[in-house]
């Protein structure tokens, strides 16, 4: 009975226990995904999209001006 409650060092090792290692990999991947999304949102919020006004020929405008 006492032998069942004791865990050996090999059961706690992440390299031999696939349940522990898969849980660890899952949490690391969730953290990495959240960090990536938060970093991109922060970058977009601080810099934003810069609106440019390109030069358009007068003949190509919505109301063209002809010479």
N, C-alpha and C. Protein backbone atom coordinates (compact mmCIF):
# COMPACT_ATOMS: atom_id res chain seq x y z
N UNK A 1 0.82 -1.19 0.00
CA UNK A 1 0.00 0.00 0.00
C UNK A 1 0.87 1.25 0.00
N UNK A 2 1.92 1.27 0.78
CA UNK A 2 2.78 2.45 0.84
C UNK A 2 3.60 2.62 -0.43
N UNK A 3 3.79 1.53 -1.17
CA UNK A 3 4.56 1.62 -2.40
C UNK A 3 3.79 2.34 -3.49
N UNK A 4 2.46 2.28 -3.46
CA UNK A 4 1.66 2.94 -4.48
C UNK A 4 1.66 4.46 -4.32
N UNK A 5 1.75 4.96 -3.11
CA UNK A 5 1.68 6.39 -2.88
C UNK A 5 3.00 7.10 -3.15
N UNK A 6 4.10 6.37 -3.17
CA UNK A 6 5.39 6.99 -3.43
C UNK A 6 5.62 7.12 -4.93
N UNK A 7 6.08 8.29 -5.32
CA UNK A 7 6.40 8.51 -6.72
C UNK A 7 7.92 8.49 -6.88
N UNK A 8 8.37 7.81 -7.87
CA UNK A 8 9.80 7.77 -8.11
C UNK A 8 10.22 9.00 -8.90
N UNK A 9 11.50 9.19 -9.00
CA UNK A 9 12.02 10.36 -9.72
C UNK A 9 11.74 10.25 -11.21
N UNK A 10 11.64 9.03 -11.75
CA UNK A 10 11.39 8.88 -13.17
C UNK A 10 9.95 9.25 -13.52
N UNK A 11 9.01 9.14 -12.58
CA UNK A 11 7.63 9.52 -12.86
C UNK A 11 7.47 11.04 -12.89
N UNK A 12 8.33 11.74 -12.19
CA UNK A 12 8.26 13.20 -12.16
C UNK A 12 9.07 13.84 -13.29
N UNK A 13 9.89 13.06 -13.94
CA UNK A 13 10.75 13.59 -15.00
C UNK A 13 9.91 13.95 -16.23
N UNK A 14 10.17 15.12 -16.82
CA UNK A 14 9.40 15.57 -17.97
C UNK A 14 9.76 14.79 -19.23
N UNK A 15 10.95 14.22 -19.27
CA UNK A 15 11.37 13.50 -20.46
C UNK A 15 10.73 12.12 -20.56
N UNK A 16 10.36 11.52 -19.42
CA UNK A 16 9.79 10.18 -19.46
C UNK A 16 8.29 10.16 -19.28
N UNK A 17 7.71 11.21 -18.72
CA UNK A 17 6.27 11.23 -18.49
C UNK A 17 5.62 12.08 -19.57
N UNK A 18 4.92 11.46 -20.52
CA UNK A 18 4.36 12.18 -21.66
C UNK A 18 3.18 13.05 -21.27
N UNK A 19 2.48 12.73 -20.19
CA UNK A 19 1.35 13.56 -19.76
C UNK A 19 1.87 14.90 -19.25
N UNK A 20 2.89 14.87 -18.45
CA UNK A 20 3.47 16.11 -17.94
C UNK A 20 4.10 16.92 -19.05
N UNK A 21 4.79 16.27 -19.96
CA UNK A 21 5.46 17.01 -21.02
C UNK A 21 4.45 17.62 -21.99
N UNK A 22 3.36 16.91 -22.29
CA UNK A 22 2.37 17.47 -23.20
C UNK A 22 1.64 18.64 -22.55
N UNK A 23 1.39 18.57 -21.27
CA UNK A 23 0.77 19.68 -20.55
C UNK A 23 1.70 20.89 -20.55
N UNK A 24 2.98 20.66 -20.33
CA UNK A 24 3.97 21.74 -20.34
C UNK A 24 4.05 22.38 -21.72
N UNK A 25 4.09 21.57 -22.76
CA UNK A 25 4.16 22.10 -24.13
C UNK A 25 2.90 22.89 -24.46
N UNK A 26 1.74 22.42 -24.01
CA UNK A 26 0.50 23.14 -24.24
C UNK A 26 0.52 24.51 -23.58
N UNK A 27 0.93 24.58 -22.32
CA UNK A 27 0.96 25.86 -21.61
C UNK A 27 2.00 26.81 -22.22
N UNK A 28 3.12 26.29 -22.65
CA UNK A 28 4.14 27.14 -23.28
C UNK A 28 3.62 27.69 -24.61
N UNK A 29 2.93 26.86 -25.38
CA UNK A 29 2.41 27.33 -26.67
C UNK A 29 1.29 28.35 -26.47
N UNK A 30 0.44 28.17 -25.47
CA UNK A 30 -0.60 29.17 -25.19
C UNK A 30 0.02 30.48 -24.76
N UNK A 31 1.04 30.43 -23.90
CA UNK A 31 1.72 31.64 -23.47
C UNK A 31 2.40 32.34 -24.64
N UNK A 32 3.03 31.58 -25.52
CA UNK A 32 3.70 32.18 -26.68
C UNK A 32 2.70 32.84 -27.62
N UNK A 33 1.56 32.21 -27.83
CA UNK A 33 0.53 32.77 -28.70
C UNK A 33 -0.04 34.06 -28.10
N UNK A 34 -0.32 34.06 -26.81
CA UNK A 34 -0.83 35.27 -26.16
C UNK A 34 0.20 36.39 -26.19
N UNK A 35 1.46 36.06 -25.99
CA UNK A 35 2.51 37.09 -26.04
C UNK A 35 2.63 37.67 -27.44
N UNK A 36 2.51 36.84 -28.46
CA UNK A 36 2.58 37.31 -29.84
C UNK A 36 1.40 38.23 -30.16
N UNK A 37 0.20 37.85 -29.77
CA UNK A 37 -0.97 38.67 -30.05
C UNK A 37 -0.90 39.99 -29.28
N UNK A 38 -0.52 39.93 -28.02
CA UNK A 38 -0.41 41.16 -27.22
C UNK A 38 0.67 42.08 -27.76
N UNK A 39 1.78 41.54 -28.20
CA UNK A 39 2.84 42.36 -28.77
C UNK A 39 2.42 43.03 -30.06
N UNK A 40 1.71 42.30 -30.91
CA UNK A 40 1.25 42.90 -32.17
C UNK A 40 0.19 43.96 -31.93
N UNK A 41 -0.72 43.73 -30.99
CA UNK A 41 -1.74 44.73 -30.67
C UNK A 41 -1.11 45.99 -30.10
N UNK A 42 -0.10 45.82 -29.26
CA UNK A 42 0.59 46.98 -28.68
C UNK A 42 1.32 47.76 -29.76
N UNK A 43 1.96 47.06 -30.68
CA UNK A 43 2.68 47.73 -31.77
C UNK A 43 1.71 48.51 -32.66
N UNK A 44 0.57 47.92 -32.98
CA UNK A 44 -0.40 48.62 -33.81
C UNK A 44 -0.99 49.82 -33.07
N UNK A 45 -1.20 49.69 -31.77
CA UNK A 45 -1.78 50.78 -31.01
C UNK A 45 -0.83 51.96 -30.90
N UNK A 46 0.45 51.68 -30.71
CA UNK A 46 1.41 52.78 -30.54
C UNK A 46 1.76 53.44 -31.87
N UNK A 47 1.99 52.65 -32.91
CA UNK A 47 2.39 53.26 -34.17
C UNK A 47 1.20 53.58 -35.05
N UNK A 48 0.25 52.68 -35.13
CA UNK A 48 -0.94 52.90 -35.94
C UNK A 48 -0.63 52.83 -37.42
N UNK A 49 -1.67 52.92 -38.21
CA UNK A 49 -1.52 52.95 -39.65
C UNK A 49 -1.40 54.40 -40.09
N UNK A 50 -0.39 54.69 -40.86
CA UNK A 50 -0.19 56.04 -41.33
C UNK A 50 -0.92 56.22 -42.65
N UNK A 51 -1.82 57.19 -42.69
CA UNK A 51 -2.60 57.43 -43.89
C UNK A 51 -1.79 58.30 -44.84
N UNK A 52 -1.62 57.82 -46.03
CA UNK A 52 -0.88 58.57 -47.03
C UNK A 52 -1.84 59.13 -48.05
N UNK A 53 -1.47 60.24 -48.63
CA UNK A 53 -2.27 60.85 -49.69
C UNK A 53 -1.43 60.89 -50.95
N UNK A 54 -1.56 59.89 -51.81
CA UNK A 54 -0.76 59.88 -53.03
C UNK A 54 -1.27 60.91 -54.02
N UNK A 55 -0.36 61.35 -54.86
CA UNK A 55 -0.75 62.31 -55.89
C UNK A 55 -1.47 61.58 -57.02
N UNK A 56 -2.60 62.13 -57.43
CA UNK A 56 -3.41 61.53 -58.48
C UNK A 56 -3.49 62.53 -59.62
N UNK A 57 -3.40 62.02 -60.82
CA UNK A 57 -3.54 62.89 -61.98
C UNK A 57 -4.93 63.52 -61.98
N UNK A 58 -5.00 64.73 -62.46
CA UNK A 58 -6.30 65.42 -62.46
C UNK A 58 -7.28 64.76 -63.40
N UNK A 59 -6.81 64.07 -64.41
CA UNK A 59 -7.73 63.40 -65.33
C UNK A 59 -8.24 62.07 -64.76
N UNK A 60 -7.63 61.58 -63.68
CA UNK A 60 -8.04 60.31 -63.09
C UNK A 60 -8.90 60.48 -61.85
N UNK A 61 -9.22 61.70 -61.47
CA UNK A 61 -9.99 61.92 -60.25
C UNK A 61 -11.46 61.58 -60.47
N UNK A 62 -12.23 61.63 -59.36
CA UNK A 62 -13.66 61.33 -59.43
C UNK A 62 -14.37 62.34 -60.34
N UNK A 63 -14.03 63.60 -60.17
CA UNK A 63 -14.52 64.65 -61.08
C UNK A 63 -13.30 65.16 -61.84
N UNK A 64 -13.05 64.60 -63.01
CA UNK A 64 -11.82 64.95 -63.74
C UNK A 64 -11.84 66.39 -64.24
N UNK A 65 -10.68 66.95 -64.30
CA UNK A 65 -10.50 68.30 -64.83
C UNK A 65 -9.70 68.17 -66.13
N UNK A 66 -10.32 68.53 -67.20
CA UNK A 66 -9.66 68.43 -68.49
C UNK A 66 -9.11 69.79 -68.89
N UNK A 67 -8.07 69.78 -69.68
CA UNK A 67 -7.46 71.03 -70.13
C UNK A 67 -8.15 71.54 -71.36
